[in-house]
Amino acid sequence: METTRTIIHLQEEIDRLQSEYQVCLCSMAEQNLSLRNSVAAKEDELRDFRAEWERAILELTTFLIDGSRSLGDASRQIKSISFSFPDVNNLISERIVRAAEICIEKEETILLLQKSLEDAQNTVMEMEQKLYSLKGATIALTEFQQPEKIFKQRGNPVV
């Protein structure tokens, strides 16, 4: 008779623990779903952000290339003009030389802008890498915390 009571008591304890485990499992599943949705939303944001950056980079690159070509053409024309007036009027020649210098300065500015654009692209890639790393860390932390919660709810120490 005592054995029967013990077996019944143990079965009740098993049922209770299974019920607790089921509740914890449901809670973890909901949390995981919530985290997956958050990560998916962030990935969508990142894709949109990256597409926007790529469009802006393409527009800026096209603008810079066109500007560089125009400045190159203008510089060649100015040099051609300056060579045709070497002795006629010194003032005109000086102004043409100054205009050529300004064109060269603008070309250098374009090169600096292109370098800044490359730096911005590198920053975007670094941000993406950090986001993916953060995603992995969040998932790992969530997976690590789940067994810990179950043990705490049972009153068992975490090993």
N, C-alpha and C. Protein backbone atom coordinates (compact mmCIF):
# COMPACT_ATOMS: atom_id res chain seq x y z
N MET A 1 0.82 -1.19 0.00
CA MET A 1 0.00 0.00 0.00
C MET A 1 0.87 1.27 0.00
N GLU A 2 1.93 1.27 0.79
CA GLU A 2 2.86 2.41 0.85
C GLU A 2 3.54 2.63 -0.50
N THR A 3 3.88 1.57 -1.17
CA THR A 3 4.52 1.65 -2.49
C THR A 3 3.57 2.28 -3.50
N THR A 4 2.32 1.94 -3.42
CA THR A 4 1.32 2.51 -4.33
C THR A 4 1.20 4.01 -4.11
N ARG A 5 1.18 4.43 -2.84
CA ARG A 5 1.09 5.86 -2.53
C ARG A 5 2.33 6.60 -3.04
N THR A 6 3.47 5.98 -2.86
CA THR A 6 4.71 6.60 -3.31
C THR A 6 4.70 6.75 -4.83
N ILE A 7 4.26 5.71 -5.51
CA ILE A 7 4.18 5.75 -6.98
C ILE A 7 3.20 6.83 -7.43
N ILE A 8 2.05 6.90 -6.78
CA ILE A 8 1.06 7.93 -7.13
C ILE A 8 1.62 9.32 -6.86
N HIS A 9 2.30 9.48 -5.72
CA HIS A 9 2.91 10.76 -5.38
C HIS A 9 3.96 11.14 -6.43
N LEU A 10 4.79 10.20 -6.83
CA LEU A 10 5.83 10.47 -7.83
C LEU A 10 5.20 10.80 -9.19
N GLN A 11 4.12 10.11 -9.54
CA GLN A 11 3.43 10.41 -10.79
C GLN A 11 2.84 11.82 -10.77
N GLU A 12 2.29 12.20 -9.63
CA GLU A 12 1.75 13.56 -9.50
C GLU A 12 2.87 14.59 -9.62
N GLU A 13 4.02 14.28 -9.00
CA GLU A 13 5.17 15.18 -9.07
C GLU A 13 5.67 15.29 -10.52
N ILE A 14 5.72 14.16 -11.22
CA ILE A 14 6.13 14.17 -12.62
C ILE A 14 5.15 14.98 -13.46
N ASP A 15 3.86 14.81 -13.22
CA ASP A 15 2.85 15.58 -13.94
C ASP A 15 3.02 17.07 -13.69
N ARG A 16 3.27 17.43 -12.43
CA ARG A 16 3.46 18.83 -12.08
C ARG A 16 4.70 19.40 -12.78
N LEU A 17 5.81 18.64 -12.74
CA LEU A 17 7.04 19.10 -13.38
C LEU A 17 6.88 19.20 -14.90
N GLN A 18 6.16 18.23 -15.48
CA GLN A 18 5.91 18.29 -16.92
C GLN A 18 5.06 19.51 -17.27
N SER A 19 4.11 19.81 -16.44
CA SER A 19 3.27 20.98 -16.66
C SER A 19 4.11 22.25 -16.58
N GLU A 20 4.98 22.35 -15.55
CA GLU A 20 5.87 23.51 -15.43
C GLU A 20 6.78 23.62 -16.65
N TYR A 21 7.32 22.47 -17.03
CA TYR A 21 8.21 22.45 -18.19
C TYR A 21 7.47 22.91 -19.44
N GLN A 22 6.25 22.47 -19.62
CA GLN A 22 5.45 22.85 -20.78
C GLN A 22 5.20 24.36 -20.78
N VAL A 23 4.90 24.93 -19.61
CA VAL A 23 4.68 26.37 -19.50
C VAL A 23 5.96 27.12 -19.87
N CYS A 24 7.10 26.65 -19.32
CA CYS A 24 8.39 27.28 -19.63
C CYS A 24 8.70 27.17 -21.11
N LEU A 25 8.44 26.02 -21.67
CA LEU A 25 8.70 25.79 -23.08
C LEU A 25 7.85 26.72 -23.95
N CYS A 26 6.59 26.87 -23.60
CA CYS A 26 5.71 27.79 -24.34
C CYS A 26 6.22 29.22 -24.24
N SER A 27 6.63 29.60 -23.03
CA SER A 27 7.15 30.95 -22.81
C SER A 27 8.40 31.18 -23.66
N MET A 28 9.30 30.19 -23.67
CA MET A 28 10.52 30.31 -24.47
C MET A 28 10.19 30.39 -25.95
N ALA A 29 9.23 29.61 -26.39
CA ALA A 29 8.85 29.63 -27.80
C ALA A 29 8.31 31.01 -28.18
N GLU A 30 7.51 31.60 -27.30
CA GLU A 30 6.98 32.95 -27.56
C GLU A 30 8.11 33.97 -27.60
N GLN A 31 9.05 33.85 -26.65
CA GLN A 31 10.18 34.77 -26.64
C GLN A 31 11.03 34.62 -27.89
N ASN A 32 11.29 33.37 -28.28
CA ASN A 32 12.08 33.14 -29.49
C ASN A 32 11.38 33.70 -30.72
N LEU A 33 10.07 33.51 -30.80
CA LEU A 33 9.31 34.06 -31.92
C LEU A 33 9.40 35.58 -31.94
N SER A 34 9.27 36.17 -30.76
CA SER A 34 9.37 37.63 -30.65
C SER A 34 10.76 38.11 -31.10
N LEU A 35 11.80 37.40 -30.64
CA LEU A 35 13.16 37.78 -31.03
C LEU A 35 13.38 37.58 -32.54
N ARG A 36 12.87 36.50 -33.08
CA ARG A 36 13.00 36.28 -34.52
C ARG A 36 12.31 37.39 -35.30
N ASN A 37 11.12 37.79 -34.84
CA ASN A 37 10.41 38.88 -35.51
C ASN A 37 11.19 40.18 -35.42
N SER A 38 11.78 40.44 -34.25
CA SER A 38 12.59 41.65 -34.08
C SER A 38 13.80 41.62 -35.00
N VAL A 39 14.47 40.48 -35.05
CA VAL A 39 15.65 40.36 -35.90
C VAL A 39 15.25 40.51 -37.37
N ALA A 40 14.14 39.89 -37.76
CA ALA A 40 13.68 40.01 -39.15
C ALA A 40 13.36 41.47 -39.49
N ALA A 41 12.73 42.17 -38.55
CA ALA A 41 12.41 43.59 -38.78
C ALA A 41 13.69 44.40 -38.93
N LYS A 42 14.67 44.12 -38.08
CA LYS A 42 15.95 44.84 -38.16
C LYS A 42 16.66 44.52 -39.48
N GLU A 43 16.60 43.26 -39.90
CA GLU A 43 17.21 42.90 -41.18
C GLU A 43 16.52 43.62 -42.33
N ASP A 44 15.20 43.74 -42.28
CA ASP A 44 14.47 44.48 -43.31
C ASP A 44 14.89 45.95 -43.31
N GLU A 45 14.99 46.52 -42.11
CA GLU A 45 15.44 47.92 -42.00
C GLU A 45 16.83 48.07 -42.59
N LEU A 46 17.70 47.12 -42.27
CA LEU A 46 19.07 47.18 -42.76
C LEU A 46 19.11 47.06 -44.28
N ARG A 47 18.29 46.17 -44.84
CA ARG A 47 18.23 46.04 -46.30
C ARG A 47 17.76 47.34 -46.94
N ASP A 48 16.71 47.94 -46.36
CA ASP A 48 16.20 49.20 -46.89
C ASP A 48 17.26 50.30 -46.79
N PHE A 49 17.93 50.34 -45.63
CA PHE A 49 18.96 51.34 -45.40
C PHE A 49 20.10 51.16 -46.40
N ARG A 50 20.49 49.91 -46.61
CA ARG A 50 21.59 49.63 -47.52
C ARG A 50 21.20 50.00 -48.96
N ALA A 51 19.97 49.66 -49.36
CA ALA A 51 19.51 50.00 -50.71
C ALA A 51 19.50 51.52 -50.90
N GLU A 52 19.06 52.23 -49.87
CA GLU A 52 19.04 53.69 -49.94
C GLU A 52 20.46 54.24 -50.08
N TRP A 53 21.38 53.68 -49.28
CA TRP A 53 22.78 54.11 -49.36
C TRP A 53 23.35 53.81 -50.74
N GLU A 54 23.05 52.64 -51.27
CA GLU A 54 23.58 52.29 -52.58
C GLU A 54 23.05 53.23 -53.66
N ARG A 55 21.77 53.59 -53.57
CA ARG A 55 21.22 54.55 -54.54
C ARG A 55 21.92 55.90 -54.41
N ALA A 56 22.09 56.35 -53.17
CA ALA A 56 22.75 57.64 -52.95
C ALA A 56 24.21 57.59 -53.42
N ILE A 57 24.87 56.49 -53.15
CA ILE A 57 26.27 56.34 -53.57
C ILE A 57 26.36 56.36 -55.10
N LEU A 58 25.45 55.67 -55.74
CA LEU A 58 25.44 55.64 -57.21
C LEU A 58 25.22 57.04 -57.77
N GLU A 59 24.26 57.76 -57.21
CA GLU A 59 24.00 59.12 -57.68
C GLU A 59 25.21 60.02 -57.46
N LEU A 60 25.80 59.92 -56.27
CA LEU A 60 26.96 60.75 -55.95
C LEU A 60 28.15 60.39 -56.84
N THR A 61 28.37 59.10 -57.04
CA THR A 61 29.48 58.67 -57.89
C THR A 61 29.29 59.17 -59.32
N THR A 62 28.08 59.04 -59.83
CA THR A 62 27.79 59.53 -61.18
C THR A 62 28.03 61.04 -61.27
N PHE A 63 27.56 61.76 -60.26
CA PHE A 63 27.76 63.20 -60.22
C PHE A 63 29.25 63.54 -60.19
N LEU A 64 30.00 62.83 -59.35
CA LEU A 64 31.43 63.11 -59.22
C LEU A 64 32.18 62.78 -60.52
N ILE A 65 31.83 61.67 -61.14
CA ILE A 65 32.49 61.30 -62.39
C ILE A 65 32.18 62.32 -63.48
N ASP A 66 30.91 62.69 -63.60
CA ASP A 66 30.53 63.70 -64.60
C ASP A 66 31.24 65.03 -64.32
N GLY A 67 31.29 65.41 -63.06
CA GLY A 67 31.97 66.66 -62.69
C GLY A 67 33.46 66.60 -62.99
N SER A 68 34.06 65.46 -62.71
CA SER A 68 35.48 65.31 -62.98
C SER A 68 35.76 65.40 -64.48
N ARG A 69 34.92 64.76 -65.28
CA ARG A 69 35.08 64.84 -66.75
C ARG A 69 34.92 66.28 -67.23
N SER A 70 33.91 66.96 -66.71
CA SER A 70 33.68 68.35 -67.12
C SER A 70 34.86 69.22 -66.73
N LEU A 71 35.37 69.02 -65.53
CA LEU A 71 36.53 69.81 -65.10
C LEU A 71 37.76 69.49 -65.95
N GLY A 72 37.91 68.22 -66.29
CA GLY A 72 39.04 67.84 -67.15
C GLY A 72 38.94 68.50 -68.51
N ASP A 73 37.73 68.48 -69.09
CA ASP A 73 37.51 69.14 -70.38
C ASP A 73 37.79 70.63 -70.28
N ALA A 74 37.26 71.25 -69.23
CA ALA A 74 37.47 72.69 -69.04
C ALA A 74 38.95 73.00 -68.85
N SER A 75 39.63 72.16 -68.10
CA SER A 75 41.05 72.38 -67.86
C SER A 75 41.84 72.31 -69.17
N ARG A 76 41.53 71.32 -70.00
CA ARG A 76 42.21 71.20 -71.30
C ARG A 76 41.91 72.42 -72.18
N GLN A 77 40.67 72.87 -72.18
CA GLN A 77 40.31 74.03 -72.99
C GLN A 77 41.03 75.28 -72.49
N ILE A 78 41.10 75.41 -71.17
CA ILE A 78 41.78 76.58 -70.60
C ILE A 78 43.26 76.56 -70.94
N LYS A 79 43.87 75.40 -70.87
CA LYS A 79 45.29 75.30 -71.23
C LYS A 79 45.49 75.65 -72.70
N SER A 80 44.58 75.17 -73.53
CA SER A 80 44.67 75.48 -74.96
C SER A 80 44.56 76.98 -75.19
N ILE A 81 43.62 77.60 -74.50
CA ILE A 81 43.45 79.05 -74.64
C ILE A 81 44.68 79.78 -74.11
N SER A 82 45.20 79.33 -72.97
CA SER A 82 46.35 80.03 -72.37
C SER A 82 47.58 79.94 -73.26
N PHE A 83 47.73 78.83 -73.99
CA PHE A 83 48.88 78.71 -74.89
C PHE A 83 48.72 79.60 -76.13
N SER A 84 47.50 79.93 -76.48
CA SER A 84 47.30 80.78 -77.66
C SER A 84 47.50 82.27 -77.37
N PHE A 85 47.59 82.65 -76.08
CA PHE A 85 47.78 84.06 -75.72
C PHE A 85 49.02 84.29 -74.86
N PRO A 86 50.16 83.70 -75.13
CA PRO A 86 51.27 83.87 -74.21
C PRO A 86 51.84 85.29 -74.20
N ASP A 87 51.90 85.93 -75.35
CA ASP A 87 52.54 87.25 -75.40
C ASP A 87 51.55 88.37 -75.64
N VAL A 88 50.31 88.06 -75.98
CA VAL A 88 49.35 89.09 -76.36
C VAL A 88 48.95 89.92 -75.15
N ASN A 89 48.49 89.25 -74.11
CA ASN A 89 48.03 90.00 -72.95
C ASN A 89 48.38 89.21 -71.70
N ASN A 90 49.31 89.70 -70.96
CA ASN A 90 49.78 89.00 -69.75
C ASN A 90 48.67 88.84 -68.72
N LEU A 91 47.79 89.81 -68.59
CA LEU A 91 46.69 89.73 -67.62
C LEU A 91 45.75 88.58 -67.96
N ILE A 92 45.41 88.44 -69.23
CA ILE A 92 44.54 87.34 -69.64
C ILE A 92 45.22 86.01 -69.35
N SER A 93 46.49 85.94 -69.65
CA SER A 93 47.24 84.71 -69.41
C SER A 93 47.24 84.35 -67.92
N GLU A 94 47.44 85.35 -67.06
CA GLU A 94 47.43 85.09 -65.62
C GLU A 94 46.07 84.60 -65.15
N ARG A 95 45.02 85.19 -65.67
CA ARG A 95 43.67 84.77 -65.27
C ARG A 95 43.38 83.35 -65.76
N ILE A 96 43.83 83.04 -66.93
CA ILE A 96 43.62 81.69 -67.45
C ILE A 96 44.39 80.68 -66.61
N VAL A 97 45.61 81.03 -66.24
CA VAL A 97 46.40 80.14 -65.37
C VAL A 97 45.68 79.97 -64.04
N ARG A 98 45.17 81.04 -63.49
CA ARG A 98 44.44 80.96 -62.21
C ARG A 98 43.20 80.08 -62.35
N ALA A 99 42.49 80.23 -63.46
CA ALA A 99 41.31 79.38 -63.70
C ALA A 99 41.72 77.91 -63.78
N ALA A 100 42.86 77.64 -64.42
CA ALA A 100 43.34 76.26 -64.50
C ALA A 100 43.68 75.74 -63.10
N GLU A 101 44.29 76.59 -62.28
CA GLU A 101 44.61 76.18 -60.91
C GLU A 101 43.34 75.86 -60.13
N ILE A 102 42.32 76.68 -60.32
CA ILE A 102 41.04 76.45 -59.63
C ILE A 102 40.44 75.11 -60.08
N CYS A 103 40.52 74.84 -61.38
CA CYS A 103 40.01 73.55 -61.87
C CYS A 103 40.76 72.39 -61.23
N ILE A 104 42.05 72.53 -61.12
CA ILE A 104 42.85 71.47 -60.49
C ILE A 104 42.45 71.31 -59.03
N GLU A 105 42.25 72.41 -58.33
CA GLU A 105 41.81 72.34 -56.93
C GLU A 105 40.46 71.62 -56.83
N LYS A 106 39.57 71.92 -57.76
CA LYS A 106 38.25 71.27 -57.74
C LYS A 106 38.38 69.77 -58.01
N GLU A 107 39.28 69.40 -58.90
CA GLU A 107 39.51 67.98 -59.15
C GLU A 107 40.04 67.29 -57.89
N GLU A 108 40.93 67.99 -57.18
CA GLU A 108 41.44 67.43 -55.93
C GLU A 108 40.31 67.28 -54.91
N THR A 109 39.40 68.26 -54.88
CA THR A 109 38.25 68.18 -53.99
C THR A 109 37.37 66.98 -54.35
N ILE A 110 37.20 66.75 -55.63
CA ILE A 110 36.42 65.59 -56.07
C ILE A 110 37.08 64.30 -55.60
N LEU A 111 38.39 64.24 -55.71
CA LEU A 111 39.10 63.04 -55.23
C LEU A 111 38.90 62.86 -53.72
N LEU A 112 38.94 63.95 -52.98
CA LEU A 112 38.69 63.87 -51.53
C LEU A 112 37.26 63.40 -51.25
N LEU A 113 36.31 63.90 -52.02
CA LEU A 113 34.92 63.46 -51.85
C LEU A 113 34.77 61.98 -52.17
N GLN A 114 35.46 61.52 -53.20
CA GLN A 114 35.41 60.09 -53.51
C GLN A 114 35.99 59.26 -52.37
N LYS A 115 37.07 59.74 -51.77
CA LYS A 115 37.67 59.04 -50.62
C LYS A 115 36.68 59.03 -49.45
N SER A 116 36.01 60.15 -49.21
CA SER A 116 35.01 60.21 -48.14
C SER A 116 33.86 59.26 -48.42
N LEU A 117 33.49 59.16 -49.67
CA LEU A 117 32.43 58.22 -50.06
C LEU A 117 32.85 56.78 -49.77
N GLU A 118 34.07 56.44 -50.10
CA GLU A 118 34.58 55.09 -49.80
C GLU A 118 34.58 54.85 -48.30
N ASP A 119 34.99 55.85 -47.53
CA ASP A 119 34.98 55.71 -46.07
C ASP A 119 33.56 55.48 -45.56
N ALA A 120 32.60 56.19 -46.13
CA ALA A 120 31.20 56.02 -45.72
C ALA A 120 30.71 54.62 -46.06
N GLN A 121 31.10 54.12 -47.22
CA GLN A 121 30.72 52.76 -47.59
C GLN A 121 31.32 51.75 -46.62
N ASN A 122 32.57 51.96 -46.24
CA ASN A 122 33.21 51.07 -45.27
C ASN A 122 32.50 51.13 -43.93
N THR A 123 32.07 52.32 -43.53
CA THR A 123 31.34 52.46 -42.27
C THR A 123 30.02 51.70 -42.32
N VAL A 124 29.33 51.76 -43.45
CA VAL A 124 28.07 51.01 -43.60
C VAL A 124 28.33 49.52 -43.46
N MET A 125 29.40 49.04 -44.10
CA MET A 125 29.70 47.60 -44.01
C MET A 125 30.05 47.22 -42.57
N GLU A 126 30.80 48.07 -41.87
CA GLU A 126 31.12 47.79 -40.47
C GLU A 126 29.86 47.75 -39.62
N MET A 127 28.92 48.67 -39.88
CA MET A 127 27.66 48.67 -39.12
C MET A 127 26.88 47.39 -39.37
N GLU A 128 26.87 46.93 -40.62
CA GLU A 128 26.18 45.68 -40.94
C GLU A 128 26.81 44.51 -40.19
N GLN A 129 28.14 44.48 -40.17
CA GLN A 129 28.83 43.39 -39.47
C GLN A 129 28.52 43.44 -37.98
N LYS A 130 28.48 44.62 -37.41
CA LYS A 130 28.17 44.75 -35.98
C LYS A 130 26.74 44.32 -35.70
N LEU A 131 25.81 44.65 -36.60
CA LEU A 131 24.42 44.25 -36.41
C LEU A 131 24.29 42.74 -36.46
N TYR A 132 24.95 42.10 -37.41
CA TYR A 132 24.89 40.64 -37.49
C TYR A 132 25.53 40.01 -36.26
N SER A 133 26.61 40.61 -35.78
CA SER A 133 27.26 40.11 -34.57
C SER A 133 26.34 40.25 -33.37
N LEU A 134 25.65 41.39 -33.28
CA LEU A 134 24.70 41.63 -32.20
C LEU A 134 23.55 40.64 -32.28
N LYS A 135 23.10 40.35 -33.48
CA LYS A 135 22.04 39.36 -33.68
C LYS A 135 22.48 38.01 -33.13
N GLY A 136 23.68 37.59 -33.49
CA GLY A 136 24.19 36.31 -33.01
C GLY A 136 24.33 36.28 -31.50
N ALA A 137 24.82 37.38 -30.94
CA ALA A 137 24.97 37.44 -29.48
C ALA A 137 23.62 37.39 -28.79
N THR A 138 22.62 38.05 -29.35
CA THR A 138 21.27 38.03 -28.76
C THR A 138 20.70 36.62 -28.77
N ILE A 139 20.85 35.95 -29.89
CA ILE A 139 20.34 34.58 -29.98
C ILE A 139 21.07 33.67 -29.01
N ALA A 140 22.40 33.80 -28.94
CA ALA A 140 23.18 32.97 -28.03
C ALA A 140 22.80 33.24 -26.58
N LEU A 141 22.62 34.52 -26.23
CA LEU A 141 22.25 34.87 -24.87
C LEU A 141 20.88 34.32 -24.52
N THR A 142 19.95 34.40 -25.45
CA THR A 142 18.60 33.87 -25.22
C THR A 142 18.66 32.36 -25.00
N GLU A 143 19.42 31.68 -25.84
CA GLU A 143 19.54 30.23 -25.70
C GLU A 143 20.22 29.86 -24.39
N PHE A 144 21.17 30.67 -23.95
CA PHE A 144 21.88 30.40 -22.71
C PHE A 144 20.98 30.63 -21.50
N GLN A 145 20.13 31.65 -21.56
CA GLN A 145 19.29 32.00 -20.42
C GLN A 145 18.12 31.05 -20.22
N GLN A 146 17.68 30.36 -21.25
CA GLN A 146 16.51 29.50 -21.13
C GLN A 146 16.71 28.37 -20.13
N PRO A 147 17.79 27.58 -20.20
CA PRO A 147 17.97 26.51 -19.19
C PRO A 147 18.11 27.10 -17.78
N GLU A 148 18.73 28.26 -17.71
CA GLU A 148 18.92 28.90 -16.41
C GLU A 148 17.56 29.24 -15.77
N LYS A 149 16.61 29.72 -16.56
CA LYS A 149 15.28 30.05 -16.05
C LYS A 149 14.55 28.80 -15.56
N ILE A 150 14.68 27.74 -16.32
CA ILE A 150 14.00 26.49 -15.94
C ILE A 150 14.53 26.00 -14.60
N PHE A 151 15.85 26.01 -14.44
CA PHE A 151 16.44 25.56 -13.18
C PHE A 151 16.02 26.45 -12.01
N LYS A 152 15.98 27.76 -12.24
CA LYS A 152 15.58 28.68 -11.17
C LYS A 152 14.13 28.45 -10.77
N GLN A 153 13.27 28.18 -11.74
CA GLN A 153 11.86 27.95 -11.43
C GLN A 153 11.68 26.67 -10.63
N ARG A 154 12.51 25.70 -10.86
CA ARG A 154 12.42 24.45 -10.11
C ARG A 154 13.08 24.58 -8.74
N GLY A 155 13.89 25.58 -8.61
CA GLY A 155 14.59 25.75 -7.34
C GLY A 155 15.92 25.03 -7.33
N ASN A 156 16.37 24.53 -8.48
CA ASN A 156 17.65 23.83 -8.57
C ASN A 156 18.73 24.84 -8.90
N PRO A 157 19.93 24.65 -8.39
CA PRO A 157 21.03 25.56 -8.73
C PRO A 157 21.49 25.30 -10.16
N VAL A 158 21.96 26.35 -10.82
CA VAL A 158 22.48 26.24 -12.17
C VAL A 158 23.91 25.73 -12.08
N VAL A 159 24.23 24.73 -12.87
CA VAL A 159 25.57 24.15 -12.85
C VAL A 159 26.44 24.85 -13.85
